[in-house]
Amino acid sequence: LVEKLNMKKGDLVLGRPMGAGCPIPHVLRVIKAEPNTGLLYTWVVGPNYAREQEVIDVTAYHMIGFEGIASRVVKEPAIGCRVSFLPGFCMMDLNHTGLVNMVLQKSSGLHVRIEDIHILAGKD
């Protein structure tokens, strides 16, 4: 789709992260688009952005992973281990789980990449 729809840095994409089990469509800003692999590197920006700019509606997508600075760490993440976490802007306020495949201590904080993302069981 990256090549077919000419997706590029700065575009907004609308879709639901199907593989993770989330029922809520997400609005994503493209940080990087790779036409050879079809990978999009994105940042979740929220629905207000979709009102201000044209959006590419892909209906659904497969989320490969999350990467960023961990702001609240309960248990130190270890490469190859499954962790549970709450994405900062999750509208359902549900814990997610995934496999840690990168941990770097940087001046900005603990930089972590988590893949194979799934939503955990619902609220009690």
N, C-alpha and C. Protein backbone atom coordinates (compact mmCIF):
# COMPACT_ATOMS: atom_id res chain seq x y z
N LEU A 1 0.80 -1.20 0.00
CA LEU A 1 0.00 0.00 0.00
C LEU A 1 0.84 1.27 0.00
N VAL A 2 2.03 1.19 0.59
CA VAL A 2 2.89 2.37 0.66
C VAL A 2 3.15 2.91 -0.74
N GLU A 3 3.52 2.01 -1.64
CA GLU A 3 3.83 2.43 -3.01
C GLU A 3 2.55 2.79 -3.77
N LYS A 4 1.53 1.95 -3.66
CA LYS A 4 0.28 2.15 -4.39
C LYS A 4 -0.40 3.48 -4.02
N LEU A 5 -0.41 3.81 -2.72
CA LEU A 5 -1.07 5.03 -2.25
C LEU A 5 -0.10 6.20 -2.09
N ASN A 6 1.16 5.98 -2.51
CA ASN A 6 2.19 7.03 -2.44
C ASN A 6 2.30 7.62 -1.03
N MET A 7 2.34 6.76 -0.03
CA MET A 7 2.45 7.21 1.36
C MET A 7 3.85 7.74 1.63
N LYS A 8 3.90 8.86 2.36
CA LYS A 8 5.19 9.48 2.64
C LYS A 8 5.18 10.14 4.01
N LYS A 9 6.36 10.55 4.43
CA LYS A 9 6.51 11.23 5.72
C LYS A 9 5.55 12.42 5.80
N GLY A 10 4.85 12.52 6.94
CA GLY A 10 3.91 13.62 7.16
C GLY A 10 2.46 13.27 6.87
N ASP A 11 2.22 12.20 6.09
CA ASP A 11 0.84 11.79 5.79
C ASP A 11 0.14 11.34 7.06
N LEU A 12 -1.19 11.43 7.06
CA LEU A 12 -2.02 10.86 8.12
C LEU A 12 -2.68 9.61 7.60
N VAL A 13 -2.68 8.56 8.42
CA VAL A 13 -3.27 7.27 8.06
C VAL A 13 -4.32 6.93 9.11
N LEU A 14 -5.46 6.43 8.65
CA LEU A 14 -6.54 6.00 9.54
C LEU A 14 -6.75 4.51 9.38
N GLY A 15 -6.78 3.79 10.50
CA GLY A 15 -7.03 2.35 10.45
C GLY A 15 -7.11 1.77 11.84
N ARG A 16 -7.54 0.51 11.89
CA ARG A 16 -7.67 -0.19 13.17
C ARG A 16 -6.56 -1.23 13.27
N PRO A 17 -5.83 -1.28 14.41
CA PRO A 17 -4.77 -2.28 14.57
C PRO A 17 -5.35 -3.67 14.79
N MET A 18 -5.68 -4.34 13.70
CA MET A 18 -6.42 -5.60 13.72
C MET A 18 -5.77 -6.71 14.52
N GLY A 19 -4.49 -6.96 14.32
CA GLY A 19 -3.82 -8.07 14.97
C GLY A 19 -3.77 -7.97 16.48
N ALA A 20 -3.83 -6.75 17.01
CA ALA A 20 -3.76 -6.56 18.46
C ALA A 20 -5.10 -6.75 19.15
N GLY A 21 -6.18 -6.76 18.37
CA GLY A 21 -7.51 -6.94 18.94
C GLY A 21 -8.19 -5.66 19.36
N CYS A 22 -7.70 -4.52 18.90
CA CYS A 22 -8.28 -3.24 19.30
C CYS A 22 -9.44 -2.86 18.38
N PRO A 23 -10.59 -2.49 18.94
CA PRO A 23 -11.75 -2.11 18.13
C PRO A 23 -11.75 -0.65 17.70
N ILE A 24 -10.79 0.15 18.18
CA ILE A 24 -10.80 1.59 17.95
C ILE A 24 -9.88 1.97 16.78
N PRO A 25 -10.42 2.68 15.77
CA PRO A 25 -9.56 3.18 14.69
C PRO A 25 -8.56 4.20 15.25
N HIS A 26 -7.35 4.17 14.72
CA HIS A 26 -6.29 5.07 15.15
C HIS A 26 -5.94 6.02 14.00
N VAL A 27 -5.59 7.26 14.34
CA VAL A 27 -5.05 8.20 13.37
C VAL A 27 -3.55 8.28 13.63
N LEU A 28 -2.77 8.01 12.60
CA LEU A 28 -1.32 7.91 12.71
C LEU A 28 -0.64 8.91 11.80
N ARG A 29 0.42 9.56 12.28
CA ARG A 29 1.25 10.42 11.43
C ARG A 29 2.44 9.58 10.97
N VAL A 30 2.70 9.56 9.67
CA VAL A 30 3.81 8.80 9.11
C VAL A 30 5.12 9.53 9.39
N ILE A 31 6.05 8.82 10.04
CA ILE A 31 7.39 9.34 10.32
C ILE A 31 8.32 8.93 9.19
N LYS A 32 8.11 7.69 8.70
CA LYS A 32 8.95 7.13 7.64
C LYS A 32 8.12 6.09 6.91
N ALA A 33 8.23 6.05 5.58
CA ALA A 33 7.53 5.06 4.76
C ALA A 33 8.55 4.34 3.89
N GLU A 34 8.54 3.00 3.94
CA GLU A 34 9.48 2.20 3.15
C GLU A 34 8.73 1.50 2.02
N PRO A 35 8.88 1.96 0.77
CA PRO A 35 8.14 1.37 -0.34
C PRO A 35 8.53 -0.08 -0.63
N ASN A 36 9.79 -0.47 -0.37
CA ASN A 36 10.21 -1.85 -0.67
C ASN A 36 9.59 -2.87 0.27
N THR A 37 9.49 -2.54 1.55
CA THR A 37 8.95 -3.49 2.53
C THR A 37 7.49 -3.22 2.86
N GLY A 38 7.02 -2.00 2.57
CA GLY A 38 5.66 -1.63 2.93
C GLY A 38 5.51 -1.19 4.37
N LEU A 39 6.63 -1.11 5.10
CA LEU A 39 6.58 -0.71 6.50
C LEU A 39 6.34 0.79 6.64
N LEU A 40 5.46 1.12 7.58
CA LEU A 40 5.24 2.52 7.96
C LEU A 40 5.71 2.69 9.40
N TYR A 41 6.52 3.69 9.64
CA TYR A 41 6.87 4.08 11.00
C TYR A 41 5.95 5.24 11.32
N THR A 42 5.18 5.13 12.39
CA THR A 42 4.15 6.13 12.65
C THR A 42 4.13 6.55 14.12
N TRP A 43 3.40 7.62 14.36
CA TRP A 43 3.15 8.13 15.70
C TRP A 43 1.65 8.31 15.82
N VAL A 44 1.03 7.79 16.87
CA VAL A 44 -0.41 7.96 17.08
C VAL A 44 -0.66 9.42 17.46
N VAL A 45 -1.52 10.10 16.68
CA VAL A 45 -1.75 11.52 16.93
C VAL A 45 -3.17 11.84 17.38
N GLY A 46 -4.13 10.97 17.14
CA GLY A 46 -5.49 11.21 17.62
C GLY A 46 -6.41 11.77 16.56
N PRO A 47 -7.71 11.71 16.83
CA PRO A 47 -8.73 12.06 15.83
C PRO A 47 -8.81 13.53 15.45
N ASN A 48 -8.38 14.44 16.31
CA ASN A 48 -8.44 15.87 15.96
C ASN A 48 -7.62 16.19 14.71
N TYR A 49 -6.50 15.50 14.53
CA TYR A 49 -5.66 15.74 13.36
C TYR A 49 -6.39 15.38 12.07
N ALA A 50 -7.26 14.38 12.13
CA ALA A 50 -8.00 13.93 10.95
C ALA A 50 -9.00 14.99 10.48
N ARG A 51 -9.33 15.92 11.33
CA ARG A 51 -10.26 16.99 10.97
C ARG A 51 -9.55 18.15 10.28
N GLU A 52 -8.23 18.17 10.38
CA GLU A 52 -7.45 19.30 9.87
C GLU A 52 -6.69 18.98 8.59
N GLN A 53 -6.58 17.71 8.23
CA GLN A 53 -5.74 17.31 7.10
C GLN A 53 -6.37 16.09 6.43
N GLU A 54 -6.10 15.92 5.14
CA GLU A 54 -6.58 14.74 4.42
C GLU A 54 -5.97 13.48 5.04
N VAL A 55 -6.77 12.43 5.11
CA VAL A 55 -6.36 11.18 5.75
C VAL A 55 -6.42 10.04 4.74
N ILE A 56 -5.43 9.16 4.78
CA ILE A 56 -5.43 7.95 3.95
C ILE A 56 -6.07 6.85 4.78
N ASP A 57 -7.26 6.39 4.38
CA ASP A 57 -8.00 5.37 5.12
C ASP A 57 -7.59 3.99 4.63
N VAL A 58 -6.88 3.22 5.48
CA VAL A 58 -6.46 1.87 5.13
C VAL A 58 -7.35 0.81 5.78
N THR A 59 -8.38 1.21 6.47
CA THR A 59 -9.35 0.36 7.16
C THR A 59 -8.74 -0.37 8.35
N ALA A 60 -7.72 -1.19 8.09
CA ALA A 60 -7.07 -1.96 9.16
C ALA A 60 -5.59 -2.12 8.81
N TYR A 61 -4.79 -2.38 9.82
CA TYR A 61 -3.36 -2.60 9.59
C TYR A 61 -2.83 -3.58 10.63
N HIS A 62 -1.65 -4.11 10.38
CA HIS A 62 -1.00 -5.01 11.34
C HIS A 62 0.11 -4.23 12.03
N MET A 63 -0.01 -4.10 13.33
CA MET A 63 0.98 -3.37 14.12
C MET A 63 2.14 -4.31 14.43
N ILE A 64 3.34 -3.93 14.04
CA ILE A 64 4.53 -4.74 14.28
C ILE A 64 5.05 -4.53 15.70
N GLY A 65 5.04 -3.30 16.18
CA GLY A 65 5.55 -3.06 17.52
C GLY A 65 5.42 -1.61 17.96
N PHE A 66 5.81 -1.37 19.20
CA PHE A 66 5.87 -0.03 19.80
C PHE A 66 7.33 0.25 20.11
N GLU A 67 7.73 1.52 19.95
CA GLU A 67 9.08 1.91 20.33
C GLU A 67 9.04 3.31 20.91
N GLY A 68 9.73 3.51 22.02
CA GLY A 68 9.77 4.84 22.61
C GLY A 68 10.39 4.83 23.99
N ILE A 69 10.26 5.95 24.67
CA ILE A 69 10.82 6.11 26.01
C ILE A 69 9.78 5.65 27.04
N ALA A 70 10.17 4.71 27.90
CA ALA A 70 9.28 4.22 28.95
C ALA A 70 9.25 5.25 30.07
N SER A 71 8.07 5.81 30.34
CA SER A 71 7.98 6.87 31.35
C SER A 71 7.74 6.34 32.76
N ARG A 72 7.14 5.17 32.86
CA ARG A 72 6.90 4.57 34.18
C ARG A 72 7.27 3.10 34.09
N VAL A 73 8.31 2.70 34.79
CA VAL A 73 8.80 1.32 34.74
C VAL A 73 8.57 0.66 36.08
N VAL A 74 7.73 -0.38 36.10
CA VAL A 74 7.47 -1.14 37.33
C VAL A 74 8.50 -2.25 37.47
N LYS A 75 8.76 -2.96 36.35
CA LYS A 75 9.74 -4.04 36.33
C LYS A 75 10.66 -3.80 35.14
N GLU A 76 11.96 -3.83 35.38
CA GLU A 76 12.94 -3.57 34.33
C GLU A 76 12.72 -4.52 33.14
N PRO A 77 12.55 -3.99 31.91
CA PRO A 77 12.34 -4.86 30.76
C PRO A 77 13.61 -5.62 30.39
N ALA A 78 13.45 -6.88 29.98
CA ALA A 78 14.58 -7.72 29.58
C ALA A 78 14.32 -8.25 28.17
N ILE A 79 15.34 -8.20 27.33
CA ILE A 79 15.22 -8.66 25.95
C ILE A 79 14.76 -10.11 25.92
N GLY A 80 13.76 -10.38 25.06
CA GLY A 80 13.23 -11.73 24.89
C GLY A 80 12.12 -12.08 25.86
N CYS A 81 11.83 -11.19 26.80
CA CYS A 81 10.78 -11.46 27.79
C CYS A 81 9.51 -10.69 27.45
N ARG A 82 8.38 -11.27 27.80
CA ARG A 82 7.08 -10.62 27.60
C ARG A 82 6.82 -9.66 28.76
N VAL A 83 6.34 -8.47 28.43
CA VAL A 83 6.02 -7.47 29.44
C VAL A 83 4.59 -6.99 29.24
N SER A 84 4.01 -6.45 30.29
CA SER A 84 2.71 -5.79 30.12
C SER A 84 2.94 -4.30 30.32
N PHE A 85 2.18 -3.49 29.59
CA PHE A 85 2.36 -2.04 29.64
C PHE A 85 1.06 -1.36 29.22
N LEU A 86 0.95 -0.10 29.56
CA LEU A 86 -0.20 0.70 29.18
C LEU A 86 0.28 1.82 28.26
N PRO A 87 -0.09 1.77 26.97
CA PRO A 87 0.30 2.86 26.08
C PRO A 87 -0.23 4.20 26.60
N GLY A 88 0.56 5.23 26.49
CA GLY A 88 0.23 6.53 27.05
C GLY A 88 -1.11 7.10 26.63
N PHE A 89 -1.56 6.80 25.42
CA PHE A 89 -2.81 7.40 24.93
C PHE A 89 -3.87 6.35 24.61
N CYS A 90 -3.83 5.20 25.27
CA CYS A 90 -4.82 4.15 25.01
C CYS A 90 -6.20 4.64 25.48
N MET A 91 -7.13 4.78 24.53
CA MET A 91 -8.47 5.29 24.85
C MET A 91 -9.30 4.29 25.64
N MET A 92 -8.92 3.00 25.59
CA MET A 92 -9.65 1.98 26.34
C MET A 92 -9.06 1.78 27.73
N ASP A 93 -7.88 2.37 27.98
CA ASP A 93 -7.20 2.25 29.27
C ASP A 93 -7.00 0.78 29.66
N LEU A 94 -6.55 -0.03 28.68
CA LEU A 94 -6.31 -1.45 28.91
C LEU A 94 -4.83 -1.77 28.76
N ASN A 95 -4.32 -2.65 29.63
CA ASN A 95 -2.94 -3.09 29.51
C ASN A 95 -2.75 -3.87 28.22
N HIS A 96 -1.55 -3.72 27.65
CA HIS A 96 -1.14 -4.45 26.47
C HIS A 96 0.02 -5.35 26.88
N THR A 97 0.34 -6.33 26.04
CA THR A 97 1.49 -7.19 26.30
C THR A 97 2.30 -7.33 25.02
N GLY A 98 3.59 -7.56 25.16
CA GLY A 98 4.46 -7.73 24.00
C GLY A 98 5.82 -8.23 24.41
N LEU A 99 6.63 -8.61 23.40
CA LEU A 99 7.98 -9.11 23.63
C LEU A 99 8.99 -7.98 23.47
N VAL A 100 9.87 -7.85 24.44
CA VAL A 100 10.91 -6.83 24.40
C VAL A 100 12.02 -7.30 23.47
N ASN A 101 12.39 -6.46 22.48
CA ASN A 101 13.52 -6.83 21.63
C ASN A 101 14.60 -5.76 21.54
N MET A 102 14.44 -4.66 22.31
CA MET A 102 15.50 -3.66 22.40
C MET A 102 15.31 -2.86 23.69
N VAL A 103 16.41 -2.66 24.40
CA VAL A 103 16.41 -1.81 25.60
C VAL A 103 17.71 -1.00 25.59
N LEU A 104 17.59 0.33 25.54
CA LEU A 104 18.76 1.21 25.54
C LEU A 104 18.58 2.29 26.59
N GLN A 105 19.59 2.48 27.42
CA GLN A 105 19.55 3.59 28.37
C GLN A 105 20.11 4.82 27.67
N LYS A 106 19.28 5.86 27.54
CA LYS A 106 19.69 7.09 26.87
C LYS A 106 19.52 8.26 27.83
N SER A 107 20.05 9.40 27.44
CA SER A 107 19.92 10.59 28.29
C SER A 107 18.45 10.99 28.46
N SER A 108 17.61 10.64 27.47
CA SER A 108 16.18 10.97 27.54
C SER A 108 15.38 9.94 28.35
N GLY A 109 16.01 8.83 28.72
CA GLY A 109 15.33 7.79 29.50
C GLY A 109 15.55 6.41 28.91
N LEU A 110 14.74 5.46 29.34
CA LEU A 110 14.85 4.08 28.90
C LEU A 110 14.11 3.90 27.58
N HIS A 111 14.87 3.69 26.50
CA HIS A 111 14.32 3.53 25.14
C HIS A 111 14.05 2.03 24.93
N VAL A 112 12.79 1.69 24.67
CA VAL A 112 12.38 0.28 24.58
C VAL A 112 11.62 0.04 23.28
N ARG A 113 11.87 -1.12 22.64
CA ARG A 113 11.06 -1.58 21.51
C ARG A 113 10.37 -2.87 21.94
N ILE A 114 9.04 -2.92 21.73
CA ILE A 114 8.23 -4.09 22.10
C ILE A 114 7.46 -4.53 20.86
N GLU A 115 7.52 -5.83 20.54
CA GLU A 115 6.83 -6.36 19.37
C GLU A 115 5.84 -7.45 19.79
N ASP A 116 5.06 -7.94 18.83
CA ASP A 116 4.02 -8.95 19.06
C ASP A 116 3.02 -8.44 20.11
N ILE A 117 2.43 -7.30 19.82
CA ILE A 117 1.54 -6.59 20.75
C ILE A 117 0.14 -7.19 20.75
N HIS A 118 -0.41 -7.39 21.94
CA HIS A 118 -1.80 -7.84 22.12
C HIS A 118 -2.40 -7.12 23.32
N ILE A 119 -3.72 -6.93 23.28
CA ILE A 119 -4.42 -6.35 24.42
C ILE A 119 -4.70 -7.46 25.42
N LEU A 120 -4.45 -7.18 26.70
CA LEU A 120 -4.73 -8.16 27.75
C LEU A 120 -6.22 -8.17 28.07
N ALA A 121 -6.62 -9.03 28.99
CA ALA A 121 -8.03 -9.16 29.38
C ALA A 121 -8.61 -7.82 29.81
N GLY A 122 -9.91 -7.71 29.69
CA GLY A 122 -10.63 -6.47 30.01
C GLY A 122 -10.62 -6.13 31.48
N LYS A 123 -11.28 -5.05 31.80
CA LYS A 123 -11.36 -4.57 33.18
C LYS A 123 -12.23 -5.50 34.02
N ASP A 124 -11.97 -5.50 35.32
CA ASP A 124 -12.75 -6.34 36.25
C ASP A 124 -14.15 -5.80 36.42
